[in-house]
N, C-alpha and C. Protein backbone atom coordinates (compact mmCIF):
# COMPACT_ATOMS: atom_id res chain seq x y z
N MET A 1 98.88 47.51 203.63
CA MET A 1 99.14 47.89 202.27
C MET A 1 99.01 49.40 202.16
N SER A 2 99.84 50.00 201.38
CA SER A 2 99.74 51.43 201.11
C SER A 2 99.90 51.66 199.61
N PHE A 3 99.43 52.81 199.18
CA PHE A 3 99.57 53.19 197.78
C PHE A 3 99.53 54.70 197.71
N ASP A 4 100.02 55.23 196.62
CA ASP A 4 99.99 56.67 196.39
C ASP A 4 98.77 56.99 195.54
N LEU A 5 98.13 58.11 195.87
CA LEU A 5 96.98 58.57 195.13
C LEU A 5 97.21 60.02 194.76
N ALA A 6 96.90 60.36 193.54
CA ALA A 6 97.00 61.75 193.10
C ALA A 6 95.74 62.10 192.32
N VAL A 7 95.25 63.29 192.55
CA VAL A 7 94.11 63.80 191.79
C VAL A 7 94.67 64.90 190.89
N LEU A 8 94.52 64.72 189.59
CA LEU A 8 95.09 65.64 188.61
C LEU A 8 93.99 66.39 187.87
N ALA A 9 94.18 67.66 187.66
CA ALA A 9 93.25 68.46 186.88
C ALA A 9 93.71 68.46 185.43
N MET A 10 93.09 67.60 184.65
CA MET A 10 93.44 67.48 183.24
C MET A 10 92.17 67.38 182.41
N GLU A 11 92.30 67.64 181.14
CA GLU A 11 91.17 67.49 180.24
C GLU A 11 90.88 66.00 180.04
N ALA A 12 89.64 65.69 179.76
CA ALA A 12 89.23 64.30 179.55
C ALA A 12 89.98 63.65 178.38
N SER A 13 90.46 64.46 177.46
CA SER A 13 91.17 63.93 176.30
C SER A 13 92.64 63.60 176.57
N ALA A 14 93.13 63.86 177.78
CA ALA A 14 94.54 63.59 178.11
C ALA A 14 94.84 62.10 177.95
N ASP A 15 95.98 61.80 177.32
CA ASP A 15 96.36 60.40 177.14
C ASP A 15 97.26 59.95 178.30
N ALA A 16 97.57 58.67 178.32
CA ALA A 16 98.36 58.09 179.40
C ALA A 16 99.74 58.73 179.52
N VAL A 17 100.34 59.11 178.42
CA VAL A 17 101.67 59.73 178.44
C VAL A 17 101.60 61.08 179.16
N ALA A 18 100.59 61.88 178.84
CA ALA A 18 100.42 63.20 179.47
C ALA A 18 100.11 63.05 180.95
N VAL A 19 99.29 62.07 181.30
CA VAL A 19 98.96 61.84 182.71
C VAL A 19 100.21 61.45 183.49
N ARG A 20 100.99 60.54 182.96
CA ARG A 20 102.22 60.09 183.63
C ARG A 20 103.18 61.26 183.80
N ALA A 21 103.33 62.08 182.78
CA ALA A 21 104.25 63.23 182.85
C ALA A 21 103.79 64.22 183.94
N MET A 22 102.50 64.47 183.99
CA MET A 22 102.00 65.39 185.02
C MET A 22 102.16 64.79 186.41
N TYR A 23 101.86 63.51 186.57
CA TYR A 23 102.03 62.83 187.85
C TYR A 23 103.49 62.90 188.29
N ASP A 24 104.40 62.60 187.39
CA ASP A 24 105.83 62.64 187.73
C ASP A 24 106.25 64.05 188.15
N ARG A 25 105.77 65.07 187.44
CA ARG A 25 106.09 66.45 187.81
C ARG A 25 105.54 66.81 189.18
N CYS A 26 104.29 66.46 189.41
CA CYS A 26 103.64 66.81 190.67
C CYS A 26 104.26 66.10 191.87
N THR A 27 104.66 64.86 191.71
CA THR A 27 105.24 64.12 192.83
C THR A 27 106.73 64.39 193.01
N SER A 28 107.34 65.11 192.07
CA SER A 28 108.75 65.44 192.20
C SER A 28 108.97 66.69 193.06
N GLY A 29 107.87 67.37 193.39
CA GLY A 29 108.00 68.61 194.17
C GLY A 29 108.08 69.85 193.32
N SER A 30 108.04 69.66 192.01
CA SER A 30 108.06 70.79 191.09
C SER A 30 106.63 71.18 190.77
N HIS A 31 106.16 72.25 191.39
CA HIS A 31 104.76 72.64 191.23
C HIS A 31 104.64 73.86 190.33
N ALA A 32 103.68 73.81 189.42
CA ALA A 32 103.40 74.95 188.56
C ALA A 32 102.80 76.08 189.39
N GLU A 33 103.00 77.30 188.95
CA GLU A 33 102.43 78.45 189.64
C GLU A 33 101.22 78.95 188.89
N GLY A 34 100.30 79.58 189.60
CA GLY A 34 99.11 80.12 188.98
C GLY A 34 97.92 79.97 189.89
N GLU A 35 96.75 80.06 189.31
CA GLU A 35 95.51 79.93 190.07
C GLU A 35 95.19 78.45 190.31
N VAL A 36 94.70 78.16 191.50
CA VAL A 36 94.33 76.79 191.86
C VAL A 36 93.12 76.36 191.03
N ASP A 37 93.16 75.15 190.51
CA ASP A 37 92.05 74.60 189.75
C ASP A 37 90.91 74.31 190.73
N GLU A 38 89.76 74.87 190.48
CA GLU A 38 88.61 74.73 191.38
C GLU A 38 88.16 73.28 191.55
N ARG A 39 88.33 72.45 190.52
CA ARG A 39 87.93 71.05 190.62
C ARG A 39 88.78 70.32 191.65
N VAL A 40 90.08 70.57 191.60
CA VAL A 40 90.98 69.92 192.54
C VAL A 40 90.74 70.43 193.96
N MET A 41 90.61 71.74 194.12
CA MET A 41 90.42 72.30 195.44
C MET A 41 89.09 71.85 196.05
N GLY A 42 88.05 71.79 195.26
CA GLY A 42 86.76 71.33 195.78
C GLY A 42 86.83 69.90 196.26
N PHE A 43 87.48 69.04 195.50
CA PHE A 43 87.62 67.64 195.89
C PHE A 43 88.47 67.52 197.15
N TYR A 44 89.57 68.25 197.19
CA TYR A 44 90.48 68.24 198.34
C TYR A 44 89.76 68.70 199.60
N GLU A 45 89.04 69.80 199.53
CA GLU A 45 88.34 70.33 200.71
C GLU A 45 87.25 69.37 201.17
N SER A 46 86.55 68.75 200.25
CA SER A 46 85.51 67.79 200.61
C SER A 46 86.12 66.59 201.33
N LEU A 47 87.21 66.08 200.81
CA LEU A 47 87.88 64.93 201.42
C LEU A 47 88.47 65.30 202.78
N ARG A 48 89.08 66.48 202.86
CA ARG A 48 89.67 66.95 204.12
C ARG A 48 88.64 67.16 205.21
N SER A 49 87.43 67.52 204.85
CA SER A 49 86.40 67.72 205.86
C SER A 49 86.07 66.42 206.58
N ARG A 50 86.24 65.31 205.90
CA ARG A 50 85.99 64.00 206.51
C ARG A 50 87.25 63.40 207.12
N PHE A 51 88.38 63.59 206.45
CA PHE A 51 89.66 63.04 206.90
C PHE A 51 90.70 64.15 206.95
N PRO A 52 90.75 64.92 208.06
CA PRO A 52 91.69 66.05 208.16
C PRO A 52 93.13 65.62 207.95
N ASP A 53 93.91 66.53 207.35
CA ASP A 53 95.33 66.23 207.13
C ASP A 53 96.24 67.24 207.82
N HIS A 54 95.69 68.11 208.66
CA HIS A 54 96.47 69.08 209.42
C HIS A 54 96.20 68.91 210.91
N PRO A 55 97.22 69.03 211.75
CA PRO A 55 97.02 68.95 213.21
C PRO A 55 96.13 70.10 213.68
N PRO A 56 95.45 70.01 214.78
CA PRO A 56 95.44 68.86 215.69
C PRO A 56 94.47 67.78 215.27
N LEU A 57 93.59 68.06 214.32
CA LEU A 57 92.58 67.07 213.95
C LEU A 57 93.18 65.82 213.34
N ALA A 58 94.23 65.97 212.54
CA ALA A 58 94.86 64.80 211.92
C ALA A 58 95.44 63.87 212.97
N ALA A 59 96.02 64.44 214.02
CA ALA A 59 96.62 63.61 215.07
C ALA A 59 95.55 62.87 215.87
N ALA A 60 94.37 63.48 216.00
CA ALA A 60 93.31 62.89 216.80
C ALA A 60 92.47 61.89 216.01
N ALA A 61 92.60 61.89 214.72
CA ALA A 61 91.77 61.03 213.88
C ALA A 61 92.42 59.66 213.73
N SER A 62 92.11 58.75 214.64
CA SER A 62 92.74 57.43 214.60
C SER A 62 92.34 56.63 213.37
N ALA A 63 91.24 57.00 212.76
CA ALA A 63 90.79 56.29 211.56
C ALA A 63 91.25 56.98 210.28
N SER A 64 92.19 57.89 210.39
CA SER A 64 92.65 58.63 209.22
C SER A 64 93.34 57.70 208.22
N PRO A 65 93.04 57.88 206.95
CA PRO A 65 93.68 57.04 205.94
C PRO A 65 95.07 57.55 205.50
N TRP A 66 95.48 58.73 205.98
CA TRP A 66 96.72 59.34 205.50
C TRP A 66 97.93 58.78 206.19
N MET A 67 98.89 58.33 205.39
CA MET A 67 100.15 57.82 205.91
C MET A 67 101.05 58.98 206.31
N SER A 68 101.00 60.07 205.56
CA SER A 68 101.79 61.25 205.89
C SER A 68 100.93 62.49 205.64
N THR A 69 101.13 63.47 206.48
CA THR A 69 100.37 64.71 206.37
C THR A 69 101.30 65.89 206.55
N PRO A 70 100.94 67.06 206.05
CA PRO A 70 99.74 67.33 205.27
C PRO A 70 99.89 66.81 203.85
N LEU A 71 98.77 66.71 203.17
CA LEU A 71 98.79 66.28 201.78
C LEU A 71 99.47 67.34 200.93
N SER A 72 100.06 66.91 199.84
CA SER A 72 100.72 67.83 198.91
C SER A 72 99.67 68.41 197.97
N VAL A 73 99.61 69.73 197.92
CA VAL A 73 98.61 70.38 197.08
C VAL A 73 99.30 71.38 196.16
N GLY A 74 98.99 71.30 194.89
CA GLY A 74 99.47 72.25 193.91
C GLY A 74 98.29 72.87 193.18
N ILE A 75 98.54 73.71 192.23
CA ILE A 75 97.44 74.37 191.53
C ILE A 75 96.63 73.40 190.67
N ASP A 76 97.24 72.28 190.30
CA ASP A 76 96.58 71.37 189.39
C ASP A 76 96.53 69.94 189.89
N HIS A 77 96.81 69.74 191.18
CA HIS A 77 96.81 68.37 191.72
C HIS A 77 96.80 68.39 193.24
N TRP A 78 96.55 67.24 193.82
CA TRP A 78 96.88 66.98 195.23
C TRP A 78 97.26 65.52 195.29
N SER A 79 98.11 65.23 196.24
CA SER A 79 98.56 63.84 196.42
C SER A 79 98.95 63.60 197.85
């Protein structure tokens, strides 16, 4: 089984419509420009330290959960 996962930097008050719109934008390859959100980058770096997504470590990690690498990272998301 596989599934897509995205981590989005949004305010807690964001509704489902706003979340879906941001997810659709981020997964379409259209990335906003600007400063990287520290919350997203911190989570991404923490996860990457355990499950690398760049060679050569990604290739050697037989227990890696990533179907495709490297992960997509934008200023306000990763997926």
